[in-house]
Amino acid sequence: MSAAENMPVVSTLAEVARLLDGRQGLYVRWSKGPGTDLADVSSTDDLTGVPMSGLSANPLDVEEWWADRSVELWVARRLYDYAHLPHEKGPGVRPWVLRGRETGRGPDNEPLVTDVEPLCWIADEAITEAETEVTRQERAWGTLRRTGR
C-alpha cells in the first residue's frame, strides 16, 4: 500500500469543514484513490473515451455568495451531489480530498486537476451525515445522478 493510500480518514462534516478553513484549491474526487489515479493524472470521458487533461474532481472551496452560512452544509451539498458514484463506478470507489491546480473543465463542467497532493479519505459516516443534513433541509434536492427519459 502506498503512502497516499495510507492517508488519514475524516469521519464527520465538521472535520471536512475544518480542512477548508483558510485554504483554497481543495477538491473531492470519487475514485479508487491516489494510488490508482496518480499513476496517470488523467480522467477519461465516460461517453466518448477521450482522455482529459487532469483528474475529474469537484471543488470544495466555499463560494463568496454562500456568505456566512454553515460550511458544514456547504460540504454536505458537495458530498451528497456525487454520493451515487460508488454504486455506479463499482467496488473500491470512495471520496478523497486533494489539493491541486485546475487545468481545464470536463464535459460536465467539472474541474480537471493536476499537481495533485492527496490529503485524506472521507469516511462513509461523513457521507451518511451529508445525506441526513440534506434531507433535513426545507427544500431538499436530489443527487446529480440523472436518468434518461
Protein backbone atom coordinates (compact mmCIF):
# COMPACT_ATOMS: atom_id res chain seq x y z
CA MET A 1 0.00 0.00 0.00
CA SER A 2 1.42 3.41 -0.96
CA ALA A 3 1.73 6.32 1.45
CA ALA A 4 -1.15 8.03 -0.39
CA GLU A 5 -3.39 5.01 0.23
CA ASN A 6 -2.49 5.21 3.92
CA MET A 7 -3.93 8.74 4.24
CA PRO A 8 -5.80 9.91 7.34
CA VAL A 9 -9.58 9.49 7.33
CA VAL A 10 -12.08 12.23 8.21
CA SER A 11 -15.36 10.92 9.57
CA THR A 12 -17.60 13.97 10.03
CA LEU A 13 -18.75 17.01 8.09
CA ALA A 14 -17.14 19.16 10.79
CA GLU A 15 -13.75 17.57 10.09
CA VAL A 16 -14.09 18.20 6.35
CA ALA A 17 -15.23 21.79 7.04
CA ARG A 18 -12.13 22.36 9.19
CA LEU A 19 -9.96 21.35 6.22
CA LEU A 20 -11.41 24.30 4.29
CA ASP A 21 -10.59 26.87 6.96
CA GLY A 22 -8.25 29.35 5.29
CA ARG A 23 -7.44 27.05 2.37
CA GLN A 24 -8.20 27.31 -1.33
CA GLY A 25 -7.79 24.78 -4.12
CA LEU A 26 -9.26 21.76 -2.34
CA TYR A 27 -11.30 19.20 -4.24
CA VAL A 28 -13.11 15.95 -3.60
CA ARG A 29 -12.55 13.08 -6.00
CA TRP A 30 -14.52 9.85 -6.11
CA SER A 31 -12.25 7.04 -7.27
CA LYS A 32 -10.22 4.05 -6.14
CA GLY A 33 -7.73 6.51 -4.71
CA PRO A 34 -4.45 8.28 -5.31
CA GLY A 35 -2.54 5.03 -5.73
CA THR A 36 -4.51 4.39 -8.92
CA ASP A 37 -5.09 7.97 -10.05
CA LEU A 38 -1.60 9.36 -9.69
CA ALA A 39 -0.03 6.76 -11.97
CA ASP A 40 -1.60 8.69 -14.88
CA VAL A 41 -3.08 12.04 -13.81
CA SER A 42 -5.85 11.94 -16.40
CA SER A 43 -9.53 11.08 -16.35
CA THR A 44 -11.44 9.67 -19.29
CA ASP A 45 -14.76 10.96 -20.60
CA ASP A 46 -17.18 8.07 -19.95
CA LEU A 47 -19.27 8.84 -23.05
CA THR A 48 -16.53 9.15 -25.68
CA GLY A 49 -13.48 7.51 -24.09
CA VAL A 50 -11.43 10.66 -24.72
CA PRO A 51 -8.60 11.24 -22.20
CA MET A 52 -8.78 14.58 -20.40
CA SER A 53 -6.05 16.92 -19.16
CA GLY A 54 -6.37 16.12 -15.45
CA LEU A 55 -8.38 14.28 -12.83
CA SER A 56 -12.11 15.00 -12.65
CA ALA A 57 -12.84 16.46 -9.24
CA ASN A 58 -15.35 18.68 -7.53
CA PRO A 59 -14.35 21.90 -5.78
CA LEU A 60 -14.77 22.17 -2.04
CA ASP A 61 -13.89 25.87 -1.86
CA VAL A 62 -16.76 27.83 -0.32
CA GLU A 63 -18.09 30.43 -2.77
CA GLU A 64 -18.46 34.06 -1.65
CA TRP A 65 -22.19 34.03 -2.37
CA TRP A 66 -22.57 31.38 0.37
CA ALA A 67 -21.76 34.25 2.79
CA ASP A 68 -21.88 33.27 6.46
CA ARG A 69 -23.95 30.13 6.02
CA SER A 70 -22.82 26.83 7.52
CA VAL A 71 -19.63 25.45 5.99
CA GLU A 72 -20.81 22.01 7.11
CA LEU A 73 -23.96 22.39 4.99
CA TRP A 74 -21.78 23.50 2.05
CA VAL A 75 -19.66 20.37 2.47
CA ALA A 76 -22.82 18.24 2.79
CA ARG A 77 -24.04 19.54 -0.58
CA ARG A 78 -20.68 18.90 -2.25
CA LEU A 79 -20.57 15.33 -0.96
CA TYR A 80 -24.24 14.48 -1.40
CA ASP A 81 -24.34 15.53 -5.04
CA TYR A 82 -21.95 12.74 -6.04
CA ALA A 83 -22.66 10.10 -3.38
CA HIS A 84 -24.11 7.83 -6.09
CA LEU A 85 -20.71 7.34 -7.75
CA PRO A 86 -19.51 4.34 -5.69
CA HIS A 87 -22.65 2.47 -6.78
CA GLU A 88 -22.15 3.40 -10.43
CA LYS A 89 -18.36 3.10 -10.67
CA GLY A 90 -18.01 -0.13 -8.70
CA PRO A 91 -16.21 -1.59 -5.71
CA GLY A 92 -13.40 0.40 -4.14
CA VAL A 93 -14.62 3.81 -5.31
CA ARG A 94 -14.71 6.28 -2.43
CA PRO A 95 -14.23 10.01 -1.84
CA TRP A 96 -10.90 11.60 -1.00
CA VAL A 97 -9.74 15.19 -0.61
CA LEU A 98 -6.89 16.63 -2.62
CA ARG A 99 -5.18 19.91 -3.24
CA GLY A 100 -4.48 20.65 -6.89
CA ARG A 101 -4.35 23.04 -9.79
CA GLU A 102 -7.15 23.37 -12.34
CA THR A 103 -6.08 22.83 -15.94
CA GLY A 104 -9.44 22.77 -17.67
CA ARG A 105 -13.03 21.58 -17.49
CA GLY A 106 -14.57 18.20 -18.21
CA PRO A 107 -17.78 17.52 -20.17
CA ASP A 108 -19.96 18.14 -17.10
CA ASN A 109 -18.10 21.41 -16.44
CA GLU A 110 -16.19 19.77 -13.59
CA PRO A 111 -12.65 20.95 -12.89
CA LEU A 112 -9.78 18.86 -14.25
CA VAL A 113 -6.96 18.93 -11.72
CA THR A 114 -3.21 18.27 -11.89
CA ASP A 115 -0.31 18.79 -9.45
CA VAL A 116 -2.32 16.66 -7.06
CA GLU A 117 -1.49 16.41 -3.36
CA PRO A 118 -3.68 13.77 -1.63
CA LEU A 119 -4.84 14.92 1.82
CA CYS A 120 -7.32 12.44 3.28
CA TRP A 121 -10.09 9.93 2.71
CA ILE A 122 -13.69 10.78 3.57
CA ALA A 123 -15.38 8.03 5.60
CA ASP A 124 -18.80 6.58 4.88
CA GLU A 125 -20.02 8.13 8.14
CA ALA A 126 -19.44 11.63 6.71
CA ILE A 127 -21.42 10.71 3.59
CA THR A 128 -24.28 9.40 5.73
CA GLU A 129 -24.16 12.63 7.75
CA ALA A 130 -24.27 14.64 4.48
CA GLU A 131 -27.33 12.70 3.32
CA THR A 132 -29.04 13.34 6.67
CA GLU A 133 -28.21 17.05 6.56
CA VAL A 134 -29.51 17.45 3.01
CA THR A 135 -32.78 15.64 3.67
CA ARG A 136 -33.36 17.85 6.76
CA GLN A 137 -33.42 20.96 4.58
CA GLU A 138 -36.73 22.64 3.82
CA ARG A 139 -36.04 22.37 0.10
CA ALA A 140 -34.22 19.08 -0.25
CA TRP A 141 -32.76 18.20 -3.62
CA GLY A 142 -31.64 15.04 -5.36
CA THR A 143 -28.16 13.96 -6.31
CA LEU A 144 -26.76 14.95 -9.68
CA ARG A 145 -27.45 11.44 -10.91
CA ARG A 146 -29.79 11.75 -13.84
CA THR A 147 -31.84 9.08 -15.51
CA GLY A 148 -32.78 9.01 -19.17
CA ARG A 149 -36.27 9.67 -20.40
